[in-house]
């Protein structure tokens, strides 16, 4: 008989918490990224309460437990309590009776995902080689970088790629740390998150500078507009800027913003945490858009099928034109087109 719920073990939940921290996510971020369903019912995002139940080791329905683990990059069988005996071949007690308790395999589903949010899985990240190269050239020359671009242009995904590449691309070793300022309440919360991820005791000002002398960081700040909130003061922004001064300072910064930092932090009344090079993200050109579509339709992680999906030339041209070169928009339009084929 099928288990109606699965709960995480003590050791399993520690792995899950570590994975969540390593990705720089909140529980809400995780809830938004969980992919559920099969084929026609494929959807992204689950209720935050299900994620809270998972992390408090309460039982959740098997399909949710498996999907949460998969999104965190974990093997669900290593996370569940040992006395949970759900069979991978057992039908699930939900509104999709054909689903099975197994690692969700999106390979035979629509490959044009995720449709929203940053792409932090390297298997799904595409392009931006030129921008990544320029960012590391600038960092290695001794400057900070601000990634500037419109919403949904791919700034957060680029920061995730820089986070992954940092150990191999930086001239001087630095621990990469990613912080999404959307989920930071104020500067006290910011210092706590920064120090936690750096593995040091919570500190500010000179104490923070001294603590980082033996542990230099590459700090990637997403949604830096949120530093304009009342919760962040000029001293904090000035401290960050000061920590980046010198030939090999405690901090190097990569900041993502929708507008130029000169516009975002004008004059002297709103000190910018940034001094360095601005790299502007632009829309994909037609060549890149075509290569993206082809890469997803021919991805190595797709399960071989008798009749693989191929878009027509007319469809491709229309998708590129309608998307305007915006990666997220192109992803969403391709997802809809692919869905029409498999449905």
Protein backbone atom coordinates (compact mmCIF):
# COMPACT_ATOMS: atom_id res chain seq x y z
CA UNK A 1 0.00 0.00 0.00
CA UNK A 2 1.35 3.45 -0.89
CA UNK A 3 2.75 5.72 1.80
CA UNK A 4 0.59 8.82 2.02
CA UNK A 5 3.45 11.04 3.14
CA UNK A 6 7.24 11.16 3.45
CA UNK A 7 9.26 13.04 6.07
CA UNK A 8 12.94 13.94 6.11
CA UNK A 9 15.43 12.38 8.51
CA UNK A 10 17.62 14.47 10.81
CA UNK A 11 20.65 13.94 8.60
CA UNK A 12 18.56 14.49 5.48
CA UNK A 13 17.19 17.82 6.63
CA UNK A 14 20.71 19.05 7.39
CA UNK A 15 21.70 18.23 3.81
CA UNK A 16 18.63 20.07 2.57
CA UNK A 17 19.40 23.15 4.66
CA UNK A 18 22.99 23.15 3.41
CA UNK A 19 21.81 22.87 -0.20
CA UNK A 20 19.38 25.75 0.31
CA UNK A 21 22.12 27.93 1.80
CA UNK A 22 24.63 27.02 -0.93
CA UNK A 23 22.14 28.14 -3.57
CA UNK A 24 21.49 31.38 -1.72
CA UNK A 25 17.73 30.71 -1.66
CA UNK A 26 15.00 31.40 0.84
CA UNK A 27 12.26 28.84 1.34
CA UNK A 28 10.02 30.99 -0.86
CA UNK A 29 12.65 30.89 -3.63
CA UNK A 30 12.65 27.11 -3.38
CA UNK A 31 8.84 26.92 -3.46
CA UNK A 32 8.79 29.06 -6.61
CA UNK A 33 11.26 26.79 -8.41
CA UNK A 34 9.84 23.33 -7.68
CA UNK A 35 8.61 21.69 -10.90
CA UNK A 36 5.59 19.41 -10.60
CA UNK A 37 3.45 17.31 -12.89
CA UNK A 38 3.74 15.38 -16.10
CA UNK A 39 3.45 16.61 -19.69
CA UNK A 40 0.19 18.59 -19.92
CA UNK A 41 0.07 19.23 -16.19
CA UNK A 42 3.69 20.40 -15.91
CA UNK A 43 3.89 23.48 -13.71
CA UNK A 44 6.48 25.41 -11.73
CA UNK A 45 5.97 26.42 -8.12
CA UNK A 46 4.29 24.94 -5.04
CA UNK A 47 2.73 26.34 -1.87
CA UNK A 48 5.24 27.71 0.66
CA UNK A 49 3.49 25.78 3.45
CA UNK A 50 4.54 22.50 1.82
CA UNK A 51 8.16 23.65 1.91
CA UNK A 52 7.80 24.67 5.58
CA UNK A 53 6.41 21.20 6.39
CA UNK A 54 9.35 19.62 4.57
CA UNK A 55 11.94 21.59 6.58
CA UNK A 56 10.17 20.98 9.89
CA UNK A 57 10.29 17.23 9.11
CA UNK A 58 6.56 16.84 8.84
CA UNK A 59 5.16 14.40 6.32
CA UNK A 60 4.44 15.73 2.83
CA UNK A 61 2.93 13.91 -0.12
CA UNK A 62 5.53 11.80 -1.96
CA UNK A 63 5.41 13.73 -5.23
CA UNK A 64 6.13 16.99 -3.39
CA UNK A 65 8.92 15.44 -1.31
CA UNK A 66 10.65 14.08 -4.42
CA UNK A 67 10.25 17.32 -6.37
CA UNK A 68 11.66 19.43 -3.52
CA UNK A 69 14.70 17.17 -3.21
CA UNK A 70 15.21 17.22 -6.97
CA UNK A 71 15.12 21.03 -7.05
CA UNK A 72 17.76 21.12 -4.31
CA UNK A 73 19.90 18.65 -6.27
CA UNK A 74 19.47 15.89 -3.68
CA UNK A 75 18.60 12.19 -3.87
CA UNK A 76 15.21 11.92 -2.15
CA UNK A 77 15.96 8.40 -0.92
CA UNK A 78 18.97 9.73 1.01
CA UNK A 79 16.84 12.47 2.59
CA UNK A 80 13.76 10.53 3.74
CA UNK A 81 13.44 8.77 7.06
CA UNK A 82 14.59 5.18 6.90
CA UNK A 83 11.21 3.83 8.01
CA UNK A 84 9.56 5.37 4.95
CA UNK A 85 9.18 2.59 2.40
CA UNK A 86 7.45 4.17 -0.54
CA UNK A 87 8.12 2.11 -3.65
CA UNK A 88 9.31 3.83 -6.82
CA UNK A 89 6.62 1.87 -8.65
CA UNK A 90 3.73 2.80 -6.34
CA UNK A 91 0.99 5.09 -7.62
CA UNK A 92 0.74 8.39 -5.82
CA UNK A 93 -2.34 9.46 -3.83
CA UNK A 94 -2.93 12.71 -5.69
CA UNK A 95 -4.89 14.14 -8.56
CA UNK A 96 -2.42 12.66 -11.04
CA UNK A 97 -2.75 8.89 -10.57
CA UNK A 98 -0.32 8.10 -13.36
CA UNK A 99 2.62 9.81 -11.63
CA UNK A 100 5.12 7.61 -9.82
CA UNK A 101 7.42 8.16 -6.86
CA UNK A 102 10.70 8.42 -8.69
CA UNK A 103 13.18 11.17 -9.35
CA UNK A 104 11.11 13.51 -11.54
CA UNK A 105 12.44 13.07 -15.06
CA UNK A 106 11.82 16.19 -17.09
CA UNK A 107 13.72 14.78 -20.05
CA UNK A 108 10.60 13.56 -21.82
CA UNK A 109 8.68 16.67 -20.83
CA UNK A 110 8.95 20.20 -22.12
CA UNK A 111 12.67 21.16 -22.16
CA UNK A 112 11.97 24.90 -22.19
CA UNK A 113 12.17 25.43 -18.42
CA UNK A 114 12.41 27.20 -16.07
CA UNK A 115 10.04 29.84 -17.32
CA UNK A 116 10.62 32.23 -14.43
CA UNK A 117 13.39 33.19 -12.06
CA UNK A 118 17.15 32.83 -12.30
CA UNK A 119 18.75 29.79 -13.90
CA UNK A 120 21.12 28.26 -11.38
CA UNK A 121 21.41 24.79 -12.92
CA UNK A 122 24.41 24.77 -15.31
CA UNK A 123 22.58 22.27 -17.53
CA UNK A 124 19.98 24.93 -18.29
CA UNK A 125 22.24 27.98 -18.57
CA UNK A 126 22.90 29.11 -22.13
CA UNK A 127 25.17 31.62 -23.82
CA UNK A 128 26.63 34.81 -22.36
CA UNK A 129 30.18 33.53 -22.93
CA UNK A 130 31.35 36.98 -24.01
CA UNK A 131 29.87 38.67 -20.94
CA UNK A 132 31.34 36.07 -18.57
CA UNK A 133 34.76 36.47 -20.14
CA UNK A 134 34.61 40.27 -19.86
CA UNK A 135 33.48 40.11 -16.21
CA UNK A 136 36.44 37.94 -15.19
CA UNK A 137 38.87 40.02 -17.25
CA UNK A 138 37.68 43.08 -15.33
CA UNK A 139 37.81 41.35 -11.93
CA UNK A 140 41.32 40.05 -12.62
CA UNK A 141 42.44 43.52 -13.65
CA UNK A 142 41.53 44.80 -10.18
CA UNK A 143 38.08 46.31 -10.67
CA UNK A 144 34.54 45.58 -9.57
CA UNK A 145 31.76 44.90 -12.06
CA UNK A 146 28.15 46.06 -12.23
CA UNK A 147 25.90 43.98 -14.50
CA UNK A 148 23.24 46.36 -15.82
CA UNK A 149 20.12 45.27 -17.68
CA UNK A 150 16.36 45.29 -17.88
CA UNK A 151 14.16 42.91 -15.91
CA UNK A 152 14.11 39.35 -17.29
CA UNK A 153 17.24 39.94 -19.37
CA UNK A 154 19.24 37.33 -17.40
CA UNK A 155 21.22 39.28 -14.79
CA UNK A 156 20.56 36.85 -11.94
CA UNK A 157 21.36 33.85 -14.13
CA UNK A 158 24.63 35.49 -15.16
CA UNK A 159 25.54 36.06 -11.49
CA UNK A 160 24.93 32.37 -10.84
CA UNK A 161 27.24 31.46 -13.73
CA UNK A 162 29.94 33.78 -12.36
CA UNK A 163 29.48 32.17 -8.93
CA UNK A 164 30.12 28.73 -10.46
CA UNK A 165 33.08 29.83 -12.58
CA UNK A 166 34.85 31.89 -9.92
CA UNK A 167 37.08 29.10 -8.52
CA UNK A 168 38.50 28.44 -11.99
CA UNK A 169 38.54 31.95 -13.47
CA UNK A 170 39.82 34.27 -10.73
CA UNK A 171 43.52 35.08 -10.69
CA UNK A 172 43.53 35.26 -6.89
CA UNK A 173 41.48 32.74 -4.95
CA UNK A 174 38.30 34.19 -3.43
CA UNK A 175 35.29 32.54 -1.85
CA UNK A 176 32.25 33.38 -3.99
CA UNK A 177 29.13 34.40 -2.07
CA UNK A 178 25.77 35.19 -3.64
CA UNK A 179 23.20 37.33 -1.82
CA UNK A 180 19.79 38.23 -3.21
CA UNK A 181 18.90 41.55 -1.61
CA UNK A 182 15.22 40.90 -2.30
CA UNK A 183 15.17 38.56 0.68
CA UNK A 184 17.34 40.67 3.01
CA UNK A 185 15.27 42.76 5.43
CA UNK A 186 17.86 45.36 6.47
CA UNK A 187 21.59 45.86 6.91
CA UNK A 188 21.70 43.82 10.12
CA UNK A 189 20.15 40.92 8.24
CA UNK A 190 22.64 41.53 5.43
CA UNK A 191 25.67 41.31 7.74
CA UNK A 192 24.27 38.16 9.30
CA UNK A 193 23.78 36.50 5.92
CA UNK A 194 27.19 37.60 4.63
CA UNK A 195 29.09 36.35 7.67
CA UNK A 196 27.13 33.10 7.81
CA UNK A 197 27.98 32.29 4.21
CA UNK A 198 31.60 33.34 4.73
CA UNK A 199 31.86 31.01 7.74
CA UNK A 200 32.85 33.76 10.17
CA UNK A 201 31.28 35.25 13.29
CA UNK A 202 28.89 38.11 12.63
CA UNK A 203 30.84 41.34 12.37
CA UNK A 204 30.65 44.88 11.00
CA UNK A 205 33.04 47.73 10.23
CA UNK A 206 36.68 47.16 11.12
CA UNK A 207 35.93 43.78 12.70
CA UNK A 208 34.51 42.57 9.39
CA UNK A 209 37.50 43.94 7.48
CA UNK A 210 39.93 42.11 9.76
CA UNK A 211 37.93 38.88 9.59
CA UNK A 212 38.06 38.95 5.80
CA UNK A 213 41.82 39.52 5.58
CA UNK A 214 42.42 35.78 5.68
CA UNK A 215 39.25 34.94 3.78
CA UNK A 216 38.85 37.27 0.78
CA UNK A 217 35.47 37.17 -0.92
CA UNK A 218 33.89 37.65 -4.31
CA UNK A 219 30.55 39.12 -3.28
CA UNK A 220 27.74 38.88 -5.83
CA UNK A 221 24.88 41.20 -4.92
CA UNK A 222 21.62 40.73 -6.79
CA UNK A 223 18.83 43.35 -6.92
CA UNK A 224 21.14 46.03 -5.53
CA UNK A 225 18.29 48.56 -5.89
CA UNK A 226 17.13 47.30 -2.52
CA UNK A 227 20.13 49.00 -0.91
CA UNK A 228 18.24 52.26 -1.42
CA UNK A 229 15.74 51.19 1.24
CA UNK A 230 15.74 52.88 4.63
CA UNK A 231 17.09 49.62 6.09
CA UNK A 232 20.48 50.34 4.49
CA UNK A 233 22.50 53.35 5.56
CA UNK A 234 25.32 55.25 3.89
CA UNK A 235 27.90 53.78 6.34
CA UNK A 236 27.08 50.26 5.17
CA UNK A 237 27.31 51.21 1.51
CA UNK A 238 30.56 53.09 2.22
CA UNK A 239 31.99 50.10 4.09
CA UNK A 240 31.37 47.80 1.14
CA UNK A 241 33.02 50.26 -1.19
CA UNK A 242 35.98 50.67 1.16
CA UNK A 243 36.49 46.92 1.43
CA UNK A 244 37.05 46.77 -2.36
CA UNK A 245 39.89 49.32 -2.39
CA UNK A 246 43.46 48.22 -3.15
CA UNK A 247 45.23 45.72 -5.40
CA UNK A 248 44.05 42.64 -3.51
CA UNK A 249 41.29 43.83 -1.13
CA UNK A 250 39.09 41.74 1.16
CA UNK A 251 36.19 42.13 -1.29
CA UNK A 252 35.62 42.16 -4.99
CA UNK A 253 32.06 43.03 -6.02
CA UNK A 254 29.81 41.94 -8.85
CA UNK A 255 26.52 43.82 -8.62
CA UNK A 256 23.33 43.36 -10.63
CA UNK A 257 21.00 46.31 -11.20
CA UNK A 258 18.38 47.49 -13.67
CA UNK A 259 19.88 50.97 -14.09
CA UNK A 260 23.31 52.55 -13.99
CA UNK A 261 24.71 52.96 -10.48
CA UNK A 262 25.25 56.67 -11.15
CA UNK A 263 21.50 57.02 -11.62
CA UNK A 264 20.62 54.63 -8.82
CA UNK A 265 22.83 56.32 -6.23
CA UNK A 266 23.05 59.98 -7.37
CA UNK A 267 25.29 62.61 -5.83
CA UNK A 268 26.72 62.40 -2.32
CA UNK A 269 23.50 61.89 -0.37
CA UNK A 270 23.19 58.24 -1.37
CA UNK A 271 26.68 56.72 -1.45
CA UNK A 272 27.05 53.93 -3.99
CA UNK A 273 28.60 50.66 -2.74
CA UNK A 274 30.21 50.38 -6.14
CA UNK A 275 33.15 51.77 -8.05
CA UNK A 276 34.19 49.97 -11.18
CA UNK A 277 33.17 48.79 -14.65
CA UNK A 278 29.58 48.46 -15.87
CA UNK A 279 28.73 45.55 -18.17
CA UNK A 280 25.42 46.01 -19.96
CA UNK A 281 23.36 42.91 -20.78
CA UNK A 282 21.54 43.15 -24.08
CA UNK A 283 18.90 41.02 -25.78
CA UNK A 284 19.99 37.92 -27.67
CA UNK A 285 20.54 38.42 -31.39
CA UNK A 286 18.90 36.12 -33.95
CA UNK A 287 21.91 33.79 -34.16
CA UNK A 288 22.01 33.26 -30.38
CA UNK A 289 18.23 32.78 -30.20
CA UNK A 290 18.35 30.11 -32.92
CA UNK A 291 21.23 28.34 -31.19
CA UNK A 292 19.31 28.38 -27.92
CA UNK A 293 16.21 26.80 -29.49
CA UNK A 294 18.31 24.13 -31.21
CA UNK A 295 20.23 23.35 -28.01
CA UNK A 296 17.04 22.72 -26.05
CA UNK A 297 15.43 20.60 -28.77
CA UNK A 298 18.61 18.50 -29.05
CA UNK A 299 19.73 18.57 -25.41
CA UNK A 300 21.82 15.59 -24.29
CA UNK A 301 19.61 15.14 -21.22
CA UNK A 302 16.48 14.56 -23.32
CA UNK A 303 15.16 11.03 -23.26
CA UNK A 304 15.34 9.54 -26.77
CA UNK A 305 11.87 9.17 -28.29
CA UNK A 306 10.57 7.79 -31.56
CA UNK A 307 9.32 11.15 -32.81
CA UNK A 308 11.40 14.05 -31.41
CA UNK A 309 9.90 17.53 -31.59
CA UNK A 310 11.27 19.95 -34.18
CA UNK A 311 10.05 23.49 -34.75
CA UNK A 312 9.41 24.69 -38.28
CA UNK A 313 11.39 27.56 -39.76
CA UNK A 314 8.25 29.71 -39.68
CA UNK A 315 7.73 28.94 -35.99
CA UNK A 316 11.33 29.75 -35.13
CA UNK A 317 11.23 33.06 -36.97
CA UNK A 318 7.98 34.00 -35.24
CA UNK A 319 9.31 33.02 -31.80
CA UNK A 320 12.42 35.14 -32.23
CA UNK A 321 10.49 38.13 -33.51
CA UNK A 322 7.86 37.98 -30.78
CA UNK A 323 10.39 37.52 -27.97
CA UNK A 324 12.41 40.55 -29.03
CA UNK A 325 15.56 38.71 -27.95
CA UNK A 326 14.58 38.59 -24.26
CA UNK A 327 15.74 35.18 -22.97
CA UNK A 328 12.89 34.63 -20.50
CA UNK A 329 10.25 35.66 -23.03
CA UNK A 330 11.77 33.34 -25.64
CA UNK A 331 11.79 30.51 -23.10
CA UNK A 332 8.11 31.02 -22.33
CA UNK A 333 7.08 31.21 -25.99
CA UNK A 334 9.09 28.11 -26.86
CA UNK A 335 7.52 26.31 -23.92
CA UNK A 336 4.06 27.07 -25.31
CA UNK A 337 5.03 25.96 -28.82
CA UNK A 338 6.56 22.72 -27.55
CA UNK A 339 3.49 22.05 -25.42
CA UNK A 340 1.28 22.21 -28.51
CA UNK A 341 3.35 19.44 -30.10
CA UNK A 342 3.34 17.04 -27.13
CA UNK A 343 -0.30 17.69 -26.30
